[in-house]
Amino acid sequence: MSTNDSIPTESGVAKPAKPKRGIWRKLRTAFIVFVALCLVADWAWKMSGSNEWELVKDENGVKSYTFKAPGDRTIKVKAVMEGDYSLSQLTALHIVDDNLATCKDWFPECVSFTRLKEFDPVKGYDQDMWRLDFPPPFKDRELLLTTVVSQDPKTKIVVLDVLAMPASLPNSPDAVRIERMHNRWQFTPLDNGKVEVELIQDTEMGGMFPYFLLNMVSVDENYKFFSGDLRKFLLKDKYVNANLPFIQEVD
């Protein structure tokens, strides 16, 4: 008899047989087990980490590192290279001629750029708003950023801290304001006359964006930028010929 056949009752009135529920119980159990495994894996990943920088790639003059701290789901990445650059040349890349075209050079998905505050050489910072186009189902990302420049008068080391300022302006309803971003550039003069260029990236996309996707691509994207685009950008005349009065070059 099929599950749709009628079953006679004592009253003589037939009622339909109930469908078998075994398959639904199995699917529900499998789903519960899957969710539990995901939660365990997420917890295990969150609590893992050596709390130390680990070298993961050394190619084409670029060294790439990762840093995983226990309690943090997102990894930090670092890239290091050396080059025949001036300190003004490296610094100018971040504060000279910032506009939408420059934003697209750095991020092809950049769709909007607003200069909120021009760089102040006395206070040593500027303020910008970037908007990046994200594919569905994710919302666009807004980056309200300040770039703070400082230099050690003795070592001549230049540090640029690119920091998120999420609460400085009201959020846009159709985008996610990135709340965690601290990208730290360091330009260190070396005894051989070259400069060591280092970038540490600590960023979360915020919103409903899977952290493991960011972790998967961070190292490769960082390496590609250092080995390719960054070197090309630094060869532009506006950076090569830059002479920033607030930056002291090595004698």
Protein backbone atom coordinates (compact mmCIF):
# COMPACT_ATOMS: atom_id res chain seq x y z
CA MET A 1 0.00 0.00 0.00
CA SER A 2 1.44 3.42 -0.92
CA THR A 3 1.74 6.29 1.56
CA ASN A 4 -1.18 8.02 -0.16
CA ASP A 5 -3.59 5.06 0.24
CA SER A 6 -6.53 5.46 2.62
CA ILE A 7 -6.65 3.56 5.91
CA PRO A 8 -10.06 2.32 7.09
CA THR A 9 -11.13 3.39 10.58
CA GLU A 10 -13.56 1.88 13.13
CA SER A 11 -16.20 4.31 11.99
CA GLY A 12 -15.82 3.08 8.47
CA VAL A 13 -14.67 6.47 7.23
CA ALA A 14 -11.31 6.28 5.49
CA LYS A 15 -8.59 8.81 6.27
CA PRO A 16 -5.38 9.35 4.34
CA ALA A 17 -2.25 7.63 5.56
CA LYS A 18 0.49 9.89 6.97
CA PRO A 19 3.58 10.24 4.81
CA LYS A 20 6.77 8.68 6.02
CA ARG A 21 8.93 11.11 7.99
CA GLY A 22 12.18 9.17 8.10
CA ILE A 23 13.87 11.17 5.36
CA TRP A 24 13.04 14.50 7.06
CA ARG A 25 14.38 13.31 10.39
CA LYS A 26 17.61 12.29 8.69
CA LEU A 27 17.95 15.62 6.89
CA ARG A 28 17.28 17.55 10.09
CA THR A 29 19.84 15.48 11.97
CA ALA A 30 22.41 15.97 9.21
CA PHE A 31 21.80 19.73 9.24
CA ILE A 32 22.19 19.92 13.02
CA VAL A 33 25.44 17.94 12.83
CA PHE A 34 26.72 20.19 10.02
CA VAL A 35 25.96 23.36 12.00
CA ALA A 36 27.60 21.90 15.10
CA LEU A 37 30.73 21.01 13.14
CA CYS A 38 30.88 24.53 11.67
CA LEU A 39 30.58 26.06 15.14
CA VAL A 40 33.33 23.80 16.48
CA ALA A 41 35.59 24.57 13.52
CA ASP A 42 34.94 28.31 13.94
CA TRP A 43 35.76 28.14 17.66
CA ALA A 44 38.89 26.08 17.02
CA TRP A 45 40.12 28.56 14.40
CA LYS A 46 39.33 31.56 16.59
CA MET A 47 41.31 30.15 19.53
CA SER A 48 44.27 29.04 17.38
CA GLY A 49 47.33 31.08 16.51
CA SER A 50 51.01 31.36 17.40
CA ASN A 51 50.85 35.11 18.11
CA GLU A 52 54.00 35.47 16.00
CA TRP A 53 54.83 36.54 12.45
CA GLU A 54 55.36 33.54 10.17
CA LEU A 55 57.04 33.72 6.75
CA VAL A 56 54.75 32.15 4.13
CA LYS A 57 56.25 33.39 0.85
CA ASP A 58 59.61 34.72 -0.33
CA GLU A 59 59.55 35.47 -4.06
CA ASN A 60 60.63 38.20 -6.47
CA GLY A 61 62.23 40.23 -3.71
CA VAL A 62 59.06 40.27 -1.61
CA LYS A 63 58.66 38.50 1.72
CA SER A 64 55.11 37.80 2.91
CA TYR A 65 54.15 37.01 6.49
CA THR A 66 50.98 36.14 8.40
CA PHE A 67 50.08 36.75 12.04
CA LYS A 68 47.28 34.86 13.80
CA ALA A 69 46.39 35.90 17.33
CA PRO A 70 44.28 33.61 19.56
CA GLY A 71 40.79 35.07 19.91
CA ASP A 72 40.88 36.80 16.51
CA ARG A 73 39.23 35.29 13.43
CA THR A 74 41.06 37.52 10.94
CA ILE A 75 44.74 37.17 10.16
CA LYS A 76 47.13 40.09 9.78
CA VAL A 77 49.45 40.09 6.78
CA LYS A 78 52.80 41.76 6.20
CA ALA A 79 54.84 42.34 3.04
CA VAL A 80 58.46 43.55 2.97
CA MET A 81 60.76 44.54 0.10
CA GLU A 82 63.79 46.76 -0.58
CA GLY A 83 64.27 49.36 -3.29
CA ASP A 84 66.19 52.40 -4.50
CA TYR A 85 63.62 54.93 -3.36
CA SER A 86 63.72 58.25 -1.58
CA LEU A 87 61.64 58.73 1.57
CA SER A 88 59.72 61.57 -0.07
CA GLN A 89 58.98 59.37 -3.07
CA LEU A 90 57.50 56.65 -0.87
CA THR A 91 55.53 59.08 1.29
CA ALA A 92 54.18 61.08 -1.65
CA LEU A 93 52.51 57.94 -2.99
CA HIS A 94 50.01 58.22 -0.13
CA ILE A 95 49.34 61.95 0.15
CA VAL A 96 49.97 63.55 -3.28
CA ASP A 97 47.25 63.78 -5.94
CA ASP A 98 44.63 61.65 -4.17
CA ASN A 99 41.51 61.41 -6.36
CA LEU A 100 39.15 58.86 -7.91
CA ALA A 101 41.71 57.82 -10.54
CA THR A 102 44.28 57.12 -7.83
CA CYS A 103 41.66 55.20 -5.84
CA LYS A 104 40.96 53.03 -8.90
CA ASP A 105 44.70 52.43 -9.32
CA TRP A 106 44.83 51.00 -5.82
CA PHE A 107 41.41 49.31 -5.92
CA PRO A 108 39.82 48.65 -9.37
CA GLU A 109 36.46 48.26 -7.61
CA CYS A 110 36.63 51.84 -6.27
CA VAL A 111 33.52 53.75 -7.40
CA SER A 112 33.75 56.91 -5.32
CA PHE A 113 36.43 59.06 -3.68
CA THR A 114 35.98 62.19 -1.59
CA ARG A 115 38.83 64.25 -0.19
CA LEU A 116 37.45 65.44 3.16
CA LYS A 117 40.59 67.11 4.43
CA GLU A 118 43.76 67.96 2.52
CA PHE A 119 47.00 66.73 4.02
CA ASP A 120 48.21 69.11 6.74
CA PRO A 121 52.05 69.02 6.87
CA VAL A 122 52.04 70.56 10.35
CA LYS A 123 49.52 68.19 11.93
CA GLY A 124 50.63 65.36 9.64
CA TYR A 125 47.33 63.85 8.54
CA ASP A 126 44.53 63.94 5.96
CA GLN A 127 41.05 62.45 5.70
CA ASP A 128 39.32 60.67 2.79
CA MET A 129 36.21 58.67 2.02
CA TRP A 130 36.52 55.68 -0.33
CA ARG A 131 33.68 53.51 -1.59
CA LEU A 132 34.30 50.04 -3.01
CA ASP A 133 31.83 48.13 -5.17
CA PHE A 134 31.09 44.64 -3.81
CA PRO A 135 29.24 41.95 -5.80
CA PRO A 136 25.81 40.71 -4.60
CA PRO A 137 24.75 39.59 -2.09
CA PHE A 138 27.24 41.84 -0.26
CA LYS A 139 26.78 45.57 0.22
CA ASP A 140 29.35 48.10 -0.96
CA ARG A 141 32.04 49.03 1.56
CA GLU A 142 32.79 52.57 2.71
CA LEU A 143 36.21 53.46 4.07
CA LEU A 144 36.42 56.69 6.05
CA LEU A 145 40.17 56.94 6.51
CA THR A 146 42.87 59.15 7.90
CA THR A 147 46.53 58.84 6.95
CA VAL A 148 48.90 59.94 9.72
CA VAL A 149 52.56 60.56 8.81
CA SER A 150 55.44 60.67 11.28
CA GLN A 151 59.24 60.45 11.08
CA ASP A 152 61.88 59.63 13.67
CA PRO A 153 64.41 62.51 13.54
CA LYS A 154 67.32 60.21 14.47
CA THR A 155 66.73 57.05 12.42
CA LYS A 156 64.83 58.88 9.64
CA ILE A 157 62.30 56.02 9.65
CA VAL A 158 58.96 57.17 8.22
CA VAL A 159 55.71 55.61 9.44
CA LEU A 160 52.29 56.04 7.84
CA ASP A 161 49.27 54.80 9.76
CA VAL A 162 46.13 54.43 7.64
CA LEU A 163 43.29 54.24 10.14
CA ALA A 164 39.55 53.75 9.90
CA MET A 165 37.43 56.53 11.43
CA PRO A 166 34.00 54.90 11.17
CA ALA A 167 32.12 57.25 13.50
CA SER A 168 33.36 60.56 12.06
CA LEU A 169 30.41 60.89 9.65
CA PRO A 170 26.92 59.30 9.47
CA ASN A 171 26.81 55.93 7.75
CA SER A 172 25.32 55.50 4.29
CA PRO A 173 22.24 53.22 4.41
CA ASP A 174 23.22 51.34 1.25
CA ALA A 175 26.81 50.50 2.28
CA VAL A 176 28.75 48.95 5.14
CA ARG A 177 31.19 51.27 6.90
CA ILE A 178 34.41 49.40 7.62
CA GLU A 179 35.13 49.75 11.33
CA ARG A 180 38.42 47.91 11.66
CA MET A 181 41.30 48.97 9.48
CA HIS A 182 44.86 49.79 10.48
CA ASN A 183 47.35 49.57 7.65
CA ARG A 184 50.82 50.53 8.80
CA TRP A 185 53.52 51.49 6.30
CA GLN A 186 57.14 51.80 7.43
CA PHE A 187 60.03 53.10 5.32
CA THR A 188 63.41 52.24 6.86
CA PRO A 189 66.69 53.56 5.38
CA LEU A 190 69.30 50.79 5.12
CA ASP A 191 73.10 50.90 5.26
CA ASN A 192 73.31 49.81 1.60
CA GLY A 193 71.58 53.02 0.48
CA LYS A 194 68.24 51.34 -0.21
CA VAL A 195 65.01 51.66 1.73
CA GLU A 196 63.06 48.78 3.24
CA VAL A 197 59.33 49.10 2.53
CA GLU A 198 57.01 47.30 4.94
CA LEU A 199 53.23 47.10 5.04
CA ILE A 200 51.19 45.51 7.82
CA GLN A 201 47.48 45.11 7.05
CA ASP A 202 44.89 44.58 9.76
CA THR A 203 41.41 44.81 8.25
CA GLU A 204 37.93 43.36 8.64
CA MET A 205 35.26 43.78 5.95
CA GLY A 206 32.42 44.00 8.46
CA GLY A 207 28.79 43.13 7.78
CA MET A 208 27.85 39.69 6.47
CA PHE A 209 31.20 38.98 4.85
CA PRO A 210 32.82 35.58 5.60
CA TYR A 211 36.16 36.19 7.33
CA PHE A 212 37.69 33.07 5.78
CA LEU A 213 37.34 34.57 2.28
CA LEU A 214 39.44 37.56 3.34
CA ASN A 215 41.98 35.26 5.01
CA MET A 216 42.23 33.13 1.85
CA VAL A 217 43.18 35.98 -0.49
CA SER A 218 45.04 38.43 1.78
CA VAL A 219 48.56 37.05 1.33
CA ASP A 220 48.34 36.61 -2.46
CA GLU A 221 46.78 40.03 -3.02
CA ASN A 222 49.38 41.67 -0.79
CA TYR A 223 52.21 39.93 -2.64
CA LYS A 224 50.80 40.80 -6.09
CA PHE A 225 50.51 44.45 -5.10
CA PHE A 226 54.09 44.68 -3.82
CA SER A 227 55.66 42.76 -6.69
CA GLY A 228 53.64 44.51 -9.39
CA ASP A 229 51.50 47.62 -8.99
CA LEU A 230 53.43 49.24 -6.12
CA ARG A 231 56.70 49.19 -8.05
CA LYS A 232 54.97 50.63 -11.13
CA PHE A 233 53.29 53.40 -9.14
CA LEU A 234 56.59 54.48 -7.60
CA LEU A 235 58.10 55.06 -11.06
CA LYS A 236 55.62 57.85 -11.87
CA ASP A 237 57.27 61.25 -12.20
CA LYS A 238 55.05 62.89 -9.59
CA TYR A 239 56.45 60.49 -6.99
CA VAL A 240 60.03 60.16 -8.27
CA ASN A 241 60.42 63.95 -8.29
CA ALA A 242 58.58 64.55 -5.02
CA ASN A 243 60.40 66.66 -2.44
CA LEU A 244 58.31 66.91 0.70
CA PRO A 245 59.65 69.60 3.06
CA PHE A 246 58.47 67.77 6.19
CA ILE A 247 60.39 64.58 5.24
CA GLN A 248 64.13 64.42 6.00
CA GLU A 249 66.20 62.33 3.62
CA VAL A 250 69.25 60.38 4.72
CA ASP A 251 72.49 62.34 4.28
